[in-house]
Amino acid sequence: MFDPLDGMTSVPPFPMPPDNAVVTNQNQPKISRFLREMREGAWSVTVDGAIVLYLNPAMEQLLGRPSHLFDAHADLWLETVRERERERVKQWLFEVVAAAGQTCELEYTIELPDGSDRSLRSRAWLCVSGTGDRWIEGLSTEGSDDGESGNTRFERLTANLPGVVYRYVLRADGSDCFTYLSSGCYDLCGVPADLVRRDARIAWQLVHPKDLEPLELSVLQSAQTLNQWTYEWRINLGSRVRWIAGVAQPERQANGDITWDGIFLDITPRKQAEIVLQQTSIDAERSHRLLSSVIDSSPDCIFAKDEHFRYIFANQSTSKLFGLSVSELLGKTDLEIGLSEDFIFGNAELGTQGLRGDDELVLQGRAISNPSEVMTDVNGNLRVFDTRKMPLRNEQSSVYGILTCARDMTERHHADAQVREMTRRLQEAQHLAQFANWEYLPRSEEMIWSPEHFRILVLLPRGKPQHFRRFCN
């Protein structure tokens, strides 16, 4: 049996005031007649609702049953309530007791003897005698006639909501309780709502040890400021951990209690996604740092421009080439970093095309390769680059930028030029001295002759090496 205060001993019925009340014997008949003549149902029950102490005629008519039936049948008063709402009425009685004299209202549905439904709207309050006896008194009228009470509609609404709708009370003496928890309590935390209503410690014992103190502190802060309370924490369900989010609005009552009306939600999937996303972000950041380190360590100039030809990325080699920091390059065009207009746009008189022409072709989706692109470094020195440009594409394959990788080939070009010059001088010396040289490759049996060798043998120079056997024949 639902018993918020562990039951009570015998208490006086509704019309009988406490022994120490200032009511004369002459007033008692007047009160009794007043109750009999009332059109509103008057009643009194024990604090657990199990025993009816008094029903006036109007209440008997509302219940469709005479008082003597309730005397002979304990719990009949609660059994008249529709089963789907019986738990809600028990909870309401708990709230009445917890309210300590304040009026609490409820609308619910009862079943009449003929099986039909009747909606009742009741107001009730806790009464305490001078000797400490307690009972509940109330007044009832017929509620809405649509066959379903407002509280039934509310219960059905909360049953279809995700999470748990609740009312939590922090009393002025520091004790606490849940006076209402919707039916989703069991699904959320694995504990029936009525057990948590009986003992709020059950809810606190589910909280993860690392989250318990911060959670308690958040509730106390909300009680002090009366600001909306929002918090996220973990609960332990055996070997599983579930993340809970709570949102509630506190309200200070006349007796000093603080009540929170709010909702608990299961946010475990969201938290799991956040953990995965956080790890993915960490991995992506680690990969980004590694890639940036590799690119910055490259001797090649690697940079990118957007569709407006502004630099959106540059490595350290590019920074050194132009004599500007990476931050000074980003967001600027070639003209803004100091490159000449002839170098950017080309010069028809000199027959040069310029950088912009290649960039525009890349934005059209083409890849460009220029093995001998000449640029001027920050010191005014001409440098030769093997440059490759390719389009940058987004998820829709649309081109949004230009990626350039330029390898400095200046030293190699100088070396190649020196080799060509030495070869020319050697050939000229051989011609003057009428001296020839040749080279034999045993594996391929090929012979490489100098031009002077061809002249001495009165043969026309050939681009391909001579085969040794053919020469012998």
Protein backbone atom coordinates (compact mmCIF):
# COMPACT_ATOMS: atom_id res chain seq x y z
CA MET A 1 0.00 0.00 0.00
CA PHE A 2 1.23 3.45 -0.89
CA ASP A 3 2.22 5.06 2.44
CA PRO A 4 4.26 8.30 2.22
CA LEU A 5 4.38 8.70 5.99
CA ASP A 6 4.37 5.02 6.99
CA GLY A 7 0.68 5.19 7.87
CA MET A 8 -1.20 6.79 10.76
CA THR A 9 -3.24 5.68 13.75
CA SER A 10 -6.92 6.51 13.97
CA VAL A 11 -7.73 10.11 13.08
CA PRO A 12 -10.93 12.10 13.42
CA PRO A 13 -13.36 12.23 10.48
CA PHE A 14 -13.79 15.30 8.32
CA PRO A 15 -16.52 17.17 10.23
CA MET A 16 -14.96 16.68 13.65
CA PRO A 17 -12.38 19.35 14.53
CA PRO A 18 -9.35 18.55 16.70
CA ASP A 19 -9.84 18.38 20.43
CA ASN A 20 -7.97 21.64 21.07
CA ALA A 21 -9.78 23.59 18.32
CA VAL A 22 -11.82 26.58 19.40
CA VAL A 23 -15.14 25.19 18.30
CA THR A 24 -18.08 24.92 20.66
CA ASN A 25 -20.41 21.98 20.82
CA GLN A 26 -23.13 24.31 19.60
CA ASN A 27 -21.14 24.88 16.34
CA GLN A 28 -20.71 21.20 15.52
CA PRO A 29 -24.32 20.64 14.33
CA LYS A 30 -24.00 23.74 12.14
CA ILE A 31 -20.81 22.41 10.55
CA SER A 32 -22.39 18.99 10.01
CA ARG A 33 -25.44 20.49 8.36
CA PHE A 34 -23.26 22.77 6.26
CA LEU A 35 -21.35 19.74 4.97
CA ARG A 36 -24.57 17.81 4.29
CA GLU A 37 -26.08 20.69 2.34
CA MET A 38 -22.99 21.41 0.25
CA ARG A 39 -23.27 20.76 -3.48
CA GLU A 40 -19.54 20.16 -3.55
CA GLY A 41 -18.33 16.75 -2.42
CA ALA A 42 -16.46 16.85 0.92
CA TRP A 43 -14.35 13.98 2.14
CA SER A 44 -11.51 12.97 4.42
CA VAL A 45 -9.17 9.97 4.20
CA THR A 46 -6.10 8.62 5.94
CA VAL A 47 -2.80 9.92 4.64
CA ASP A 48 -2.32 6.81 2.52
CA GLY A 49 -5.84 7.01 1.06
CA ALA A 50 -6.64 3.50 2.25
CA ILE A 51 -9.45 4.33 4.68
CA VAL A 52 -12.31 6.77 4.11
CA LEU A 53 -13.06 8.77 7.25
CA TYR A 54 -15.95 10.86 5.97
CA LEU A 55 -18.07 11.44 2.86
CA ASN A 56 -20.82 14.04 2.64
CA PRO A 57 -23.95 13.26 0.57
CA ALA A 58 -22.64 15.21 -2.42
CA MET A 59 -19.47 13.09 -2.43
CA GLU A 60 -21.50 9.88 -2.12
CA GLN A 61 -23.45 10.98 -5.19
CA LEU A 62 -20.25 11.78 -7.11
CA LEU A 63 -18.79 8.37 -6.25
CA GLY A 64 -22.11 6.59 -6.91
CA ARG A 65 -21.70 4.69 -3.63
CA PRO A 66 -22.95 5.19 -0.07
CA SER A 67 -20.54 5.75 2.83
CA HIS A 68 -21.18 2.39 4.51
CA LEU A 69 -19.61 0.55 1.54
CA PHE A 70 -16.32 2.31 2.24
CA ASP A 71 -16.56 1.43 5.93
CA ALA A 72 -16.82 -2.26 5.06
CA HIS A 73 -14.22 -2.28 2.29
CA ALA A 74 -10.76 -0.88 2.91
CA ASP A 75 -9.05 0.57 -0.16
CA LEU A 76 -12.39 0.94 -1.98
CA TRP A 77 -11.84 4.69 -2.32
CA LEU A 78 -8.66 4.11 -4.34
CA GLU A 79 -10.19 1.18 -6.21
CA THR A 80 -12.93 3.44 -7.58
CA VAL A 81 -10.18 5.30 -9.46
CA ARG A 82 -9.55 4.03 -12.97
CA GLU A 83 -6.57 1.66 -12.85
CA ARG A 84 -4.62 3.66 -15.42
CA GLU A 85 -4.76 6.68 -13.07
CA ARG A 86 -4.53 4.98 -9.69
CA GLU A 87 -0.77 5.45 -9.38
CA ARG A 88 -1.18 9.12 -10.19
CA VAL A 89 -3.74 9.57 -7.42
CA LYS A 90 -1.40 7.86 -4.95
CA GLN A 91 1.33 10.22 -6.00
CA TRP A 92 -1.01 13.17 -5.57
CA LEU A 93 -1.72 12.08 -1.97
CA PHE A 94 2.02 11.99 -1.42
CA GLU A 95 2.26 15.57 -2.73
CA VAL A 96 -0.59 16.64 -0.45
CA VAL A 97 1.27 15.30 2.58
CA ALA A 98 4.56 16.84 1.41
CA ALA A 99 2.85 20.22 0.87
CA ALA A 100 2.21 20.42 4.64
CA GLY A 101 -1.12 22.23 4.60
CA GLN A 102 -1.01 23.83 1.15
CA THR A 103 -3.87 22.99 -1.22
CA CYS A 104 -3.08 20.58 -4.04
CA GLU A 105 -5.40 19.99 -7.01
CA LEU A 106 -5.93 16.98 -9.24
CA GLU A 107 -8.31 15.92 -11.97
CA TYR A 108 -8.80 12.20 -12.42
CA THR A 109 -11.33 9.59 -13.58
CA ILE A 110 -13.31 7.17 -11.43
CA GLU A 111 -15.38 4.15 -12.41
CA LEU A 112 -19.03 4.20 -11.39
CA PRO A 113 -20.83 1.02 -10.33
CA ASP A 114 -22.42 0.71 -13.79
CA GLY A 115 -18.94 0.70 -15.40
CA SER A 116 -19.14 4.23 -16.81
CA ASP A 117 -16.49 6.89 -16.22
CA ARG A 118 -16.79 10.14 -14.30
CA SER A 119 -14.17 12.86 -14.16
CA LEU A 120 -13.56 14.44 -10.75
CA ARG A 121 -11.71 17.63 -9.98
CA SER A 122 -10.44 17.58 -6.38
CA ARG A 123 -8.68 19.94 -4.00
CA ALA A 124 -7.04 18.53 -0.86
CA TRP A 125 -4.83 19.55 2.05
CA LEU A 126 -3.14 17.94 5.05
CA CYS A 127 -4.69 18.39 8.48
CA VAL A 128 -2.82 17.94 11.77
CA SER A 129 -4.46 17.73 15.19
CA GLY A 130 -3.04 19.12 18.42
CA THR A 131 -1.95 15.61 19.35
CA GLY A 132 -0.04 15.18 16.09
CA ASP A 133 -2.62 13.00 14.30
CA ARG A 134 -2.75 13.68 10.56
CA TRP A 135 -5.33 13.10 7.84
CA ILE A 136 -6.28 14.51 4.45
CA GLU A 137 -9.39 16.57 3.76
CA GLY A 138 -10.68 17.50 0.35
CA LEU A 139 -13.43 18.90 -1.83
CA SER A 140 -14.47 17.46 -5.19
CA THR A 141 -16.66 18.45 -8.10
CA GLU A 142 -17.44 16.77 -11.38
CA GLY A 143 -14.73 17.54 -13.91
CA SER A 144 -14.74 17.68 -17.72
CA ASP A 145 -17.32 15.53 -19.46
CA ASP A 146 -15.14 14.38 -22.33
CA GLY A 147 -14.49 11.02 -20.67
CA GLU A 148 -10.84 11.79 -19.96
CA SER A 149 -9.43 13.89 -17.14
CA GLY A 150 -6.82 16.58 -17.60
CA ASN A 151 -4.37 14.53 -15.57
CA THR A 152 -5.05 11.50 -17.73
CA ARG A 153 -4.27 13.57 -20.79
CA PHE A 154 -1.13 14.85 -19.07
CA GLU A 155 -0.05 11.33 -18.16
CA ARG A 156 -0.59 10.16 -21.71
CA LEU A 157 1.36 13.14 -22.99
CA THR A 158 4.33 12.51 -20.69
CA ALA A 159 4.28 8.80 -21.57
CA ASN A 160 4.86 9.73 -25.21
CA LEU A 161 7.65 12.17 -24.42
CA PRO A 162 11.27 11.03 -24.49
CA GLY A 163 12.84 10.87 -21.05
CA VAL A 164 11.21 11.56 -17.70
CA VAL A 165 9.03 14.49 -16.63
CA TYR A 166 9.48 15.12 -12.92
CA ARG A 167 9.01 17.39 -9.92
CA TYR A 168 11.84 17.52 -7.41
CA VAL A 169 11.52 19.19 -4.00
CA LEU A 170 14.37 20.45 -1.84
CA ARG A 171 12.82 21.16 1.54
CA ALA A 172 13.83 24.01 3.81
CA ASP A 173 15.32 21.52 6.29
CA GLY A 174 17.67 20.13 3.61
CA SER A 175 15.77 16.90 2.92
CA ASP A 176 14.57 16.19 -0.61
CA CYS A 177 12.12 14.07 -2.57
CA PHE A 178 10.58 13.49 -5.98
CA THR A 179 6.86 14.16 -5.79
CA TYR A 180 6.29 13.23 -9.43
CA LEU A 181 8.10 11.05 -11.97
CA SER A 182 6.54 10.04 -15.29
CA SER A 183 6.38 6.43 -16.43
CA GLY A 184 9.61 6.73 -18.43
CA CYS A 185 11.63 6.53 -15.20
CA TYR A 186 12.14 2.77 -15.44
CA ASP A 187 13.28 2.94 -19.07
CA LEU A 188 15.72 5.73 -18.28
CA CYS A 189 17.35 4.50 -15.08
CA GLY A 190 16.07 0.97 -14.51
CA VAL A 191 14.16 1.84 -11.32
CA PRO A 192 10.35 2.12 -11.01
CA ALA A 193 9.07 5.65 -10.42
CA ASP A 194 7.28 4.78 -7.18
CA LEU A 195 10.51 3.57 -5.57
CA VAL A 196 12.27 6.83 -6.38
CA ARG A 197 9.29 8.79 -5.06
CA ARG A 198 9.54 6.87 -1.79
CA ASP A 199 13.27 7.45 -1.44
CA ALA A 200 15.14 10.05 -3.50
CA ARG A 201 18.45 8.53 -2.37
CA ILE A 202 17.91 5.78 -4.94
CA ALA A 203 18.31 8.35 -7.71
CA TRP A 204 21.43 9.85 -6.15
CA GLN A 205 23.00 6.41 -5.70
CA LEU A 206 22.84 5.83 -9.45
CA VAL A 207 25.02 8.86 -10.19
CA HIS A 208 28.59 8.17 -11.32
CA PRO A 209 30.97 8.88 -8.38
CA LYS A 210 32.94 11.46 -10.37
CA ASP A 211 29.75 13.36 -11.23
CA LEU A 212 27.98 13.23 -7.85
CA GLU A 213 29.55 16.25 -6.14
CA PRO A 214 29.35 18.57 -9.19
CA LEU A 215 25.71 17.54 -9.71
CA GLU A 216 24.79 18.31 -6.09
CA LEU A 217 26.58 21.67 -6.34
CA SER A 218 24.66 22.58 -9.50
CA VAL A 219 21.34 21.92 -7.75
CA LEU A 220 22.32 24.04 -4.73
CA GLN A 221 23.43 26.90 -6.99
CA SER A 222 20.11 26.77 -8.84
CA ALA A 223 18.27 26.84 -5.50
CA GLN A 224 20.18 29.95 -4.47
CA THR A 225 19.79 31.87 -7.74
CA LEU A 226 16.45 30.39 -8.89
CA ASN A 227 17.95 30.36 -12.39
CA GLN A 228 17.05 27.60 -14.82
CA TRP A 229 18.93 24.44 -13.98
CA THR A 230 20.68 22.52 -16.75
CA TYR A 231 23.26 19.80 -16.23
CA GLU A 232 24.67 16.66 -17.85
CA TRP A 233 25.98 13.69 -15.88
CA ARG A 234 26.43 9.93 -15.93
CA ILE A 235 24.56 7.18 -14.13
CA ASN A 236 25.73 3.61 -13.60
CA LEU A 237 23.44 0.83 -14.79
CA GLY A 238 25.40 -2.25 -13.83
CA SER A 239 28.29 -2.49 -16.28
CA ARG A 240 26.78 0.19 -18.53
CA VAL A 241 27.06 3.96 -18.26
CA ARG A 242 24.25 6.24 -19.42
CA TRP A 243 24.50 9.98 -19.96
CA ILE A 244 21.59 12.07 -18.62
CA ALA A 245 20.70 15.70 -19.32
CA GLY A 246 18.44 17.57 -16.92
CA VAL A 247 16.55 20.82 -17.52
CA ALA A 248 14.24 22.37 -14.92
CA GLN A 249 12.91 25.66 -13.63
CA PRO A 250 13.12 26.19 -9.85
CA GLU A 251 10.41 27.93 -7.83
CA ARG A 252 10.47 28.93 -4.17
CA GLN A 253 7.36 27.92 -2.21
CA ALA A 254 5.73 29.83 0.64
CA ASN A 255 7.06 27.35 3.22
CA GLY A 256 10.65 27.81 2.00
CA ASP A 257 10.81 24.65 -0.12
CA ILE A 258 12.31 24.83 -3.62
CA THR A 259 10.60 22.82 -6.36
CA TRP A 260 11.96 22.03 -9.81
CA ASP A 261 9.61 21.05 -12.63
CA GLY A 262 11.64 19.62 -15.48
CA ILE A 263 12.67 16.74 -17.66
CA PHE A 264 15.48 14.15 -17.73
CA LEU A 265 16.69 13.00 -21.14
CA ASP A 266 18.93 10.15 -22.28
CA ILE A 267 21.76 11.78 -24.24
CA THR A 268 24.03 8.72 -24.41
CA PRO A 269 23.97 8.50 -28.25
CA ARG A 270 24.85 12.18 -28.51
CA LYS A 271 27.69 11.83 -26.01
CA GLN A 272 29.04 8.77 -27.80
CA ALA A 273 28.95 10.70 -31.07
CA GLU A 274 30.74 13.62 -29.40
CA ILE A 275 33.46 11.27 -28.11
CA VAL A 276 33.93 9.79 -31.58
CA LEU A 277 33.91 13.26 -33.12
CA GLN A 278 36.41 14.50 -30.56
CA GLN A 279 38.72 11.57 -31.25
CA THR A 280 38.28 12.10 -34.98
CA SER A 281 39.13 15.77 -34.51
CA ILE A 282 42.24 14.84 -32.51
CA ASP A 283 43.31 12.38 -35.20
CA ALA A 284 42.61 14.92 -37.92
CA GLU A 285 44.60 17.57 -36.06
CA ARG A 286 47.48 15.14 -35.58
CA SER A 287 47.40 14.26 -39.31
CA HIS A 288 47.19 17.94 -40.20
CA ARG A 289 50.25 18.75 -38.08
CA LEU A 290 52.16 15.83 -39.63
CA LEU A 291 51.21 16.90 -43.16
CA SER A 292 52.07 20.53 -42.42
CA SER A 293 55.43 19.46 -41.00
CA VAL A 294 56.21 17.38 -44.10
CA ILE A 295 55.14 20.17 -46.47
CA ASP A 296 57.07 22.81 -44.54
CA SER A 297 60.16 20.58 -44.57
CA SER A 298 60.01 20.18 -48.34
CA PRO A 299 62.54 22.23 -50.37
CA ASP A 300 59.87 22.63 -53.04
CA CYS A 301 57.66 25.71 -53.06
CA ILE A 302 54.11 24.47 -52.37
CA PHE A 303 51.26 26.95 -52.30
CA ALA A 304 47.60 27.31 -53.23
CA LYS A 305 45.39 30.13 -54.49
CA ASP A 306 41.62 30.53 -54.54
CA GLU A 307 39.45 31.36 -57.55
CA HIS A 308 40.30 35.03 -57.05
CA PHE A 309 44.03 34.26 -57.22
CA ARG A 310 44.57 34.98 -53.53
CA TYR A 311 47.01 32.84 -51.58
CA ILE A 312 45.22 30.47 -49.23
CA PHE A 313 48.19 28.27 -48.33
CA ALA A 314 51.99 28.51 -48.51
CA ASN A 315 54.84 26.48 -47.05
CA GLN A 316 58.11 27.80 -45.64
CA SER A 317 60.00 27.42 -48.94
CA THR A 318 57.44 29.70 -50.61
CA SER A 319 57.81 32.16 -47.74
CA LYS A 320 61.60 32.26 -48.25
CA LEU A 321 61.26 32.70 -52.02
CA PHE A 322 59.14 35.82 -51.70
CA GLY A 323 60.76 37.10 -48.48
CA LEU A 324 57.41 37.27 -46.70
CA SER A 325 56.01 35.33 -43.75
CA VAL A 326 53.21 32.87 -44.42
CA SER A 327 50.71 35.16 -42.64
CA GLU A 328 51.82 38.04 -44.89
CA LEU A 329 51.19 35.94 -47.99
CA LEU A 330 47.75 34.61 -47.08
CA GLY A 331 44.84 36.56 -48.52
CA LYS A 332 46.99 38.51 -50.99
CA THR A 333 47.35 38.28 -54.76
CA ASP A 334 50.61 38.05 -56.74
CA LEU A 335 50.41 41.78 -57.43
CA GLU A 336 49.93 42.59 -53.75
CA ILE A 337 53.02 40.62 -52.69
CA GLY A 338 55.20 42.58 -55.13
CA LEU A 339 55.43 40.51 -58.31
CA SER A 340 55.69 42.56 -61.52
CA GLU A 341 52.76 42.97 -63.88
CA ASP A 342 54.82 41.54 -66.76
CA PHE A 343 55.53 38.42 -64.72
CA ILE A 344 51.89 38.05 -63.70
CA PHE A 345 50.04 39.03 -66.88
CA GLY A 346 52.77 38.48 -69.47
CA ASN A 347 54.28 40.87 -72.06
CA ALA A 348 53.25 40.62 -75.69
CA GLU A 349 56.34 42.48 -76.86
CA LEU A 350 58.63 40.06 -75.06
CA GLY A 351 56.47 37.09 -76.03
CA THR A 352 55.84 35.99 -72.42
CA GLN A 353 52.49 34.67 -71.19
CA GLY A 354 52.77 35.27 -67.44
CA LEU A 355 51.47 33.34 -64.41
CA ARG A 356 47.85 34.40 -64.75
CA GLY A 357 47.33 32.61 -68.05
CA ASP A 358 48.33 29.24 -66.53
CA ASP A 359 46.27 29.91 -63.42
CA GLU A 360 43.16 30.61 -65.49
CA LEU A 361 43.62 27.36 -67.39
CA VAL A 362 43.89 25.44 -64.11
CA LEU A 363 40.64 27.02 -62.86
CA GLN A 364 39.03 25.60 -65.99
CA GLY A 365 40.05 22.14 -64.79
CA ARG A 366 43.34 21.59 -66.62
CA ALA A 367 46.66 20.50 -65.13
CA ILE A 368 49.67 22.53 -66.24
CA SER A 369 53.35 21.53 -66.32
CA ASN A 370 56.18 24.01 -67.03
CA PRO A 371 59.66 22.51 -66.57
CA SER A 372 61.49 25.82 -67.08
CA GLU A 373 59.51 28.60 -65.44
CA VAL A 374 61.72 31.58 -64.62
CA MET A 375 61.02 33.62 -61.48
CA THR A 376 62.85 36.31 -59.54
CA ASP A 377 63.56 35.68 -55.86
CA VAL A 378 63.53 38.25 -53.06
CA ASN A 379 67.14 39.21 -53.85
CA GLY A 380 66.42 39.84 -57.51
CA ASN A 381 68.11 36.67 -58.71
CA LEU A 382 66.57 34.71 -61.57
CA ARG A 383 65.56 31.22 -60.57
CA VAL A 384 64.41 28.39 -62.82
CA PHE A 385 61.59 26.16 -61.56
CA ASP A 386 60.00 22.93 -62.71
CA THR A 387 56.39 23.95 -61.97
CA ARG A 388 53.29 21.77 -61.83
CA LYS A 389 49.82 23.22 -61.30
CA MET A 390 46.60 21.28 -60.72
CA PRO A 391 43.00 22.21 -59.83
CA LEU A 392 41.66 21.95 -56.28
CA ARG A 393 38.15 20.46 -56.18
CA ASN A 394 35.46 20.36 -53.49
CA GLU A 395 33.07 17.49 -52.64
CA GLN A 396 30.96 18.36 -55.70
CA SER A 397 34.09 18.21 -57.91
CA SER A 398 33.85 21.95 -58.58
CA VAL A 399 37.19 23.73 -58.92
CA TYR A 400 37.75 26.22 -56.13
CA GLY A 401 41.50 26.82 -56.30
CA ILE A 402 44.95 26.19 -57.75
CA LEU A 403 47.60 23.98 -56.16
CA THR A 404 51.17 24.70 -57.27
CA CYS A 405 54.33 22.71 -56.62
CA ALA A 406 57.51 24.38 -57.91
CA ARG A 407 60.92 22.70 -57.65
CA ASP A 408 63.96 24.96 -57.88
CA MET A 409 66.04 23.67 -60.82
CA THR A 410 68.44 26.65 -61.02
CA GLU A 411 71.55 24.78 -59.94
CA ARG A 412 70.79 21.88 -62.24
CA HIS A 413 70.24 24.25 -65.15
CA HIS A 414 73.59 25.87 -64.40
CA ALA A 415 75.25 22.46 -64.26
CA ASP A 416 73.63 21.39 -67.52
CA ALA A 417 74.80 24.60 -69.15
CA GLN A 418 78.34 23.99 -67.92
CA VAL A 419 78.29 20.43 -69.28
CA ARG A 420 77.05 21.67 -72.63
CA GLU A 421 79.77 24.34 -72.75
CA MET A 422 82.52 21.83 -71.84
CA THR A 423 81.25 19.40 -74.49
CA ARG A 424 81.27 22.16 -77.08
CA ARG A 425 84.86 23.10 -76.19
CA LEU A 426 85.99 19.46 -76.27
CA GLN A 427 84.49 18.94 -79.68
CA GLU A 428 86.12 22.13 -80.93
CA ALA A 429 89.53 21.03 -79.56
CA GLN A 430 89.18 17.59 -81.17
CA HIS A 431 88.37 19.17 -84.49
CA LEU A 432 91.40 21.44 -84.35
CA ALA A 433 93.71 18.56 -83.32
CA GLN A 434 92.02 16.10 -85.63
CA PHE A 435 91.61 13.89 -82.58
CA ALA A 436 88.57 11.70 -81.97
CA ASN A 437 87.21 9.73 -79.05
CA TRP A 438 84.81 6.85 -78.80
CA GLU A 439 83.18 4.70 -76.13
CA TYR A 440 82.27 1.02 -76.25
CA LEU A 441 79.38 -0.44 -74.20
CA PRO A 442 80.02 -4.23 -73.86
CA ARG A 443 76.56 -5.19 -72.64
CA SER A 444 74.76 -3.66 -75.61
CA GLU A 445 77.77 -3.86 -77.96
CA GLU A 446 77.17 -0.25 -78.88
CA MET A 447 79.79 2.36 -79.75
CA ILE A 448 79.42 6.06 -79.11
CA TRP A 449 81.55 8.26 -81.41
CA SER A 450 82.45 11.86 -81.18
CA PRO A 451 81.63 14.05 -84.21
CA GLU A 452 85.34 14.14 -85.12
CA HIS A 453 85.37 10.33 -85.28
CA PHE A 454 82.70 10.41 -87.95
CA ARG A 455 84.67 13.02 -89.88
CA ILE A 456 87.91 11.01 -89.79
CA LEU A 457 86.09 7.88 -91.04
CA VAL A 458 84.32 9.98 -93.66
CA LEU A 459 80.92 8.99 -92.31
CA LEU A 460 77.86 11.06 -91.77
CA PRO A 461 77.17 11.70 -88.06
CA ARG A 462 74.30 9.62 -86.71
CA GLY A 463 72.18 10.39 -83.73
CA LYS A 464 72.06 6.80 -82.57
CA PRO A 465 75.07 4.80 -81.25
CA GLN A 466 76.90 2.53 -83.73
CA HIS A 467 76.60 -1.24 -83.25
CA PHE A 468 80.01 -2.89 -82.87
CA ARG A 469 79.30 -5.90 -85.17
CA ARG A 470 77.89 -3.72 -87.86
CA PHE A 471 80.99 -1.53 -87.67
CA CYS A 472 83.25 -4.63 -87.98
CA ASN A 473 81.36 -5.85 -91.02
